C-alpha atoms as a PDB file:
ATOM      1  CA  UNK A   1      -2.227  28.216 -13.894  1.00  0.00           C
ATOM      2  CA  UNK A   2      -1.688  24.699 -13.708  1.00  0.00           C
ATOM      3  CA  UNK A   3      -4.650  22.419 -14.121  1.00  0.00           C
ATOM      4  CA  UNK A   4      -4.646  20.255 -10.625  1.00  0.00           C
ATOM      5  CA  UNK A   5      -6.683  17.649 -12.043  1.00  0.00           C
ATOM      6  CA  UNK A   6      -4.378  17.069 -14.855  1.00  0.00           C
ATOM      7  CA  UNK A   7      -1.127  17.183 -12.726  1.00  0.00           C
ATOM      8  CA  UNK A   8      -2.942  14.502 -10.317  1.00  0.00           C
ATOM      9  CA  UNK A   9      -4.246  12.087 -13.491  1.00  0.00           C
ATOM     10  CA  UNK A  10      -0.198  12.232 -14.917  1.00  0.00           C
ATOM     11  CA  UNK A  11       1.219  11.370 -11.577  1.00  0.00           C
ATOM     12  CA  UNK A  12      -1.621   8.752 -10.401  1.00  0.00           C
ATOM     13  CA  UNK A  13      -1.109   7.142 -14.017  1.00  0.00           C
ATOM     14  CA  UNK A  14       2.933   7.243 -13.534  1.00  0.00           C
ATOM     15  CA  UNK A  15       2.935   5.895 -10.011  1.00  0.00           C
ATOM     16  CA  UNK A  16      -0.002   3.250 -11.307  1.00  0.00           C
ATOM     17  CA  UNK A  17       1.938   2.034 -14.089  1.00  0.00           C
ATOM     18  CA  UNK A  18       5.048   1.733 -12.223  1.00  0.00           C
ATOM     19  CA  UNK A  19       3.192  -0.606  -9.555  1.00  0.00           C
ATOM     20  CA  UNK A  20       1.229  -2.581 -12.249  1.00  0.00           C
ATOM     21  CA  UNK A  21       4.617  -3.304 -14.011  1.00  0.00           C
ATOM     22  CA  UNK A  22       6.834  -3.342 -11.437  1.00  0.00           C
ATOM     23  CA  UNK A  23       5.346  -6.134  -8.967  1.00  0.00           C
ATOM     24  CA  UNK A  24       6.829  -9.327 -10.655  1.00  0.00           C
ATOM     25  CA  UNK A  25       9.218 -10.787  -7.954  1.00  0.00           C
ATOM     26  CA  UNK A  26      10.457 -14.354  -6.895  1.00  0.00           C
ATOM     27  CA  UNK A  27       8.287 -15.713 -10.034  1.00  0.00           C
ATOM     28  CA  UNK A  28       5.330 -14.042  -8.272  1.00  0.00           C
ATOM     29  CA  UNK A  29       2.987 -11.613 -10.111  1.00  0.00           C
ATOM     30  CA  UNK A  30       1.594  -9.268  -7.747  1.00  0.00           C
ATOM     31  CA  UNK A  31      -1.075  -7.075  -8.346  1.00  0.00           C
ATOM     32  CA  UNK A  32      -1.552  -3.166  -6.959  1.00  0.00           C
ATOM     33  CA  UNK A  33      -4.144  -4.210  -4.843  1.00  0.00           C
ATOM     34  CA  UNK A  34      -1.895  -7.290  -3.385  1.00  0.00           C
ATOM     35  CA  UNK A  35       0.919  -4.712  -3.070  1.00  0.00           C
ATOM     36  CA  UNK A  36      -0.635  -2.501  -0.745  1.00  0.00           C
ATOM     37  CA  UNK A  37      -2.134  -5.337   1.373  1.00  0.00           C
ATOM     38  CA  UNK A  38       1.241  -6.594   2.135  1.00  0.00           C
ATOM     39  CA  UNK A  39       2.549  -3.543   2.797  1.00  0.00           C
ATOM     40  CA  UNK A  40      -0.343  -2.965   5.255  1.00  0.00           C
ATOM     41  CA  UNK A  41      -0.567  -6.238   6.984  1.00  0.00           C
ATOM     42  CA  UNK A  42       3.933  -5.828   7.272  1.00  0.00           C
ATOM     43  CA  UNK A  43       3.878  -2.187   8.868  1.00  0.00           C
ATOM     44  CA  UNK A  44       1.566  -3.560  11.562  1.00  0.00           C
ATOM     45  CA  UNK A  45       1.941  -6.226  14.121  1.00  0.00           C
ATOM     46  CA  UNK A  46      -0.794  -8.832  13.391  1.00  0.00           C
ATOM     47  CA  UNK A  47      -3.277  -6.849  12.643  1.00  0.00           C
ATOM     48  CA  UNK A  48      -6.982  -8.385  12.236  1.00  0.00           C
ATOM     49  CA  UNK A  49      -8.666  -8.345   8.964  1.00  0.00           C
ATOM     50  CA  UNK A  50     -10.952  -5.727   9.847  1.00  0.00           C
ATOM     51  CA  UNK A  51      -8.023  -2.955  10.509  1.00  0.00           C
ATOM     52  CA  UNK A  52      -6.226  -3.921   7.178  1.00  0.00           C
ATOM     53  CA  UNK A  53      -9.377  -3.148   5.244  1.00  0.00           C
ATOM     54  CA  UNK A  54     -10.348  -0.305   6.898  1.00  0.00           C
ATOM     55  CA  UNK A  55      -6.665   1.126   6.270  1.00  0.00           C
ATOM     56  CA  UNK A  56      -7.048   0.568   2.554  1.00  0.00           C
ATOM     57  CA  UNK A  57     -10.584   1.322   3.017  1.00  0.00           C
ATOM     58  CA  UNK A  58     -11.565  -1.389   1.010  1.00  0.00           C
ATOM     59  CA  UNK A  59     -15.138  -3.484   1.326  1.00  0.00           C
ATOM     60  CA  UNK A  60     -14.632  -6.798   3.253  1.00  0.00           C
ATOM     61  CA  UNK A  61     -15.843  -9.089   0.829  1.00  0.00           C
ATOM     62  CA  UNK A  62     -13.788  -8.091  -1.557  1.00  0.00           C
ATOM     63  CA  UNK A  63     -10.759  -7.641   0.865  1.00  0.00           C
ATOM     64  CA  UNK A  64     -11.277 -11.427   1.922  1.00  0.00           C
ATOM     65  CA  UNK A  65     -10.261 -12.514  -1.766  1.00  0.00           C
ATOM     66  CA  UNK A  66      -7.457 -10.667  -1.968  1.00  0.00           C
ATOM     67  CA  UNK A  67      -6.358 -12.439   1.281  1.00  0.00           C
ATOM     68  CA  UNK A  68      -6.984 -15.578   0.004  1.00  0.00           C
ATOM     69  CA  UNK A  69      -5.294 -15.285  -2.706  1.00  0.00           C
ATOM     70  CA  UNK A  70      -2.487 -14.332  -0.909  1.00  0.00           C
ATOM     71  CA  UNK A  71      -3.110 -17.122   1.413  1.00  0.00           C
ATOM     72  CA  UNK A  72      -2.644 -19.571  -1.280  1.00  0.00           C
ATOM     73  CA  UNK A  73       0.304 -18.064  -2.953  1.00  0.00           C
ATOM     74  CA  UNK A  74       2.100 -18.742   0.525  1.00  0.00           C
ATOM     75  CA  UNK A  75       2.474 -14.905   1.334  1.00  0.00           C
ATOM     76  CA  UNK A  76      -0.082 -14.150   4.395  1.00  0.00           C
ATOM     77  CA  UNK A  77      -0.974 -16.261   7.292  1.00  0.00           C
ATOM     78  CA  UNK A  78      -4.496 -16.035   8.417  1.00  0.00           C
ATOM     79  CA  UNK A  79      -4.488 -16.919  12.325  1.00  0.00           C
ATOM     80  CA  UNK A  80      -7.759 -17.056  14.495  1.00  0.00           C
ATOM     81  CA  UNK A  81      -7.256 -14.357  17.913  1.00  0.00           C
ATOM     82  CA  UNK A  82      -6.614 -16.465  20.884  1.00  0.00           C
ATOM     83  CA  UNK A  83      -8.540 -13.998  22.761  1.00  0.00           C
ATOM     84  CA  UNK A  84     -11.656 -13.777  20.287  1.00  0.00           C
ATOM     85  CA  UNK A  85     -11.845 -16.226  18.247  1.00  0.00           C
ATOM     86  CA  UNK A  86     -14.604 -14.750  15.554  1.00  0.00           C
ATOM     87  CA  UNK A  87     -11.375 -12.307  14.858  1.00  0.00           C
ATOM     88  CA  UNK A  88      -8.860 -13.221  12.677  1.00  0.00           C
ATOM     89  CA  UNK A  89      -4.937 -11.812  12.385  1.00  0.00           C
ATOM     90  CA  UNK A  90      -2.717 -11.431   9.700  1.00  0.00           C
ATOM     91  CA  UNK A  91       0.667 -11.965   8.970  1.00  0.00           C
ATOM     92  CA  UNK A  92       3.392 -12.057   6.623  1.00  0.00           C
ATOM     93  CA  UNK A  93       4.829 -15.611   6.072  1.00  0.00           C
ATOM     94  CA  UNK A  94       8.936 -15.565   5.288  1.00  0.00           C
ATOM     95  CA  UNK A  95       8.058 -15.819   1.392  1.00  0.00           C
ATOM     96  CA  UNK A  96       5.817 -12.704   2.110  1.00  0.00           C
ATOM     97  CA  UNK A  97       8.294 -11.007   4.288  1.00  0.00           C
ATOM     98  CA  UNK A  98      10.608 -11.422   1.467  1.00  0.00           C
ATOM     99  CA  UNK A  99       8.195 -10.371  -1.436  1.00  0.00           C
ATOM    100  CA  UNK A 100       7.512  -7.254   0.469  1.00  0.00           C
ATOM    101  CA  UNK A 101      10.968  -5.946   1.193  1.00  0.00           C
ATOM    102  CA  UNK A 102      11.734  -6.347  -2.821  1.00  0.00           C
ATOM    103  CA  UNK A 103       8.465  -4.458  -3.955  1.00  0.00           C
ATOM    104  CA  UNK A 104       9.517  -1.813  -0.873  1.00  0.00           C
ATOM    105  CA  UNK A 105      13.340  -1.504  -2.539  1.00  0.00           C
ATOM    106  CA  UNK A 106      11.974  -1.230  -5.611  1.00  0.00           C
ATOM    107  CA  UNK A 107       9.744   1.345  -4.637  1.00  0.00           C
ATOM    108  CA  UNK A 108      12.404   2.866  -2.518  1.00  0.00           C
ATOM    109  CA  UNK A 109      14.726   3.020  -5.298  1.00  0.00           C
ATOM    110  CA  UNK A 110      12.249   4.318  -8.077  1.00  0.00           C
ATOM    111  CA  UNK A 111      11.350   6.996  -5.564  1.00  0.00           C
ATOM    112  CA  UNK A 112      15.169   7.765  -5.033  1.00  0.00           C
ATOM    113  CA  UNK A 113      15.948   8.161  -8.625  1.00  0.00           C
ATOM    114  CA  UNK A 114      12.876  10.649  -9.243  1.00  0.00           C
ATOM    115  CA  UNK A 115      14.125  12.547  -6.072  1.00  0.00           C
ATOM    116  CA  UNK A 116      17.732  12.505  -7.779  1.00  0.00           C
ATOM    117  CA  UNK A 117      16.719  14.636 -10.556  1.00  0.00           C
ATOM    118  CA  UNK A 118      15.539  17.426  -7.744  1.00  0.00           C
ATOM    119  CA  UNK A 119      17.633  19.644  -5.045  1.00  0.00           C
ATOM    120  CA  UNK A 120      17.586  18.715  -1.539  1.00  0.00           C
ATOM    121  CA  UNK A 121      15.265  21.505  -1.052  1.00  0.00           C
ATOM    122  CA  UNK A 122      12.952  20.189  -4.077  1.00  0.00           C
ATOM    123  CA  UNK A 123      12.967  16.637  -2.580  1.00  0.00           C
ATOM    124  CA  UNK A 124      11.722  18.222   0.991  1.00  0.00           C
ATOM    125  CA  UNK A 125       9.322  20.682  -0.441  1.00  0.00           C
ATOM    126  CA  UNK A 126       7.507  17.702  -2.227  1.00  0.00           C
ATOM    127  CA  UNK A 127       7.568  16.005   0.243  1.00  0.00           C
ATOM    128  CA  UNK A 128       5.801  18.841   2.666  1.00  0.00           C
ATOM    129  CA  UNK A 129       3.593  19.201   0.135  1.00  0.00           C
ATOM    130  CA  UNK A 130       2.129  15.606  -0.385  1.00  0.00           C
ATOM    131  CA  UNK A 131       1.823  15.431   3.315  1.00  0.00           C
ATOM    132  CA  UNK A 132       0.025  18.162   3.548  1.00  0.00           C
ATOM    133  CA  UNK A 133      -2.305  17.253   0.733  1.00  0.00           C
ATOM    134  CA  UNK A 134      -2.726  13.718   2.310  1.00  0.00           C
ATOM    135  CA  UNK A 135      -3.976  15.771   5.730  1.00  0.00           C
ATOM    136  CA  UNK A 136      -6.454  17.424   3.881  1.00  0.00           C
ATOM    137  CA  UNK A 137      -7.886  14.842   1.775  1.00  0.00           C
ATOM    138  CA  UNK A 138      -8.466  12.973   5.435  1.00  0.00           C
ATOM    139  CA  UNK A 139     -10.243  15.864   6.514  1.00  0.00           C
ATOM    140  CA  UNK A 140     -12.781  16.055   2.944  1.00  0.00           C
ATOM    141  CA  UNK A 141     -16.194  15.023   3.364  1.00  0.00           C
ATOM    142  CA  UNK A 142     -15.775  13.742  -0.217  1.00  0.00           C
ATOM    143  CA  UNK A 143     -13.291  11.177   0.194  1.00  0.00           C
ATOM    144  CA  UNK A 144     -13.212   8.119   1.046  1.00  0.00           C
ATOM    145  CA  UNK A 145     -12.717   6.975   5.337  1.00  0.00           C
ATOM    146  CA  UNK A 146      -9.628   8.358   6.580  1.00  0.00           C
ATOM    147  CA  UNK A 147      -6.852   6.330   5.692  1.00  0.00           C
ATOM    148  CA  UNK A 148      -4.030   6.325   8.607  1.00  0.00           C
ATOM    149  CA  UNK A 149      -0.532   6.476   8.191  1.00  0.00           C
END
């Protein structure tokens, strides 16, 4: 029987190294946390800071610093909500959109390559299994706040 923890450690490490080293795009070094932030802002329509922080399961002060760094890099724009001035919405700048698109392309190219070593059935099995595992993790009382997908 395979050791489940070891399998997940190896996969997480490989995926983490990919994220750590592949995200230097357009002359910007993007950290893993910043990459996740760009992804979440990109996939939502002008989310509030609170929405993105909750989706990432990040503590608000840490999250604020990460957002600030992306604002300084001119990748993210923070705008007061016209309906509630206490709330700020986040959106990607033109450069932020370009960087997010490049990171997305790199990740998809990598996944396409990995899946190219599998049959279509194996690929579908992996994706179904990962989806099932993510859903089960979301139900766990030991896991972080549920991350919606």
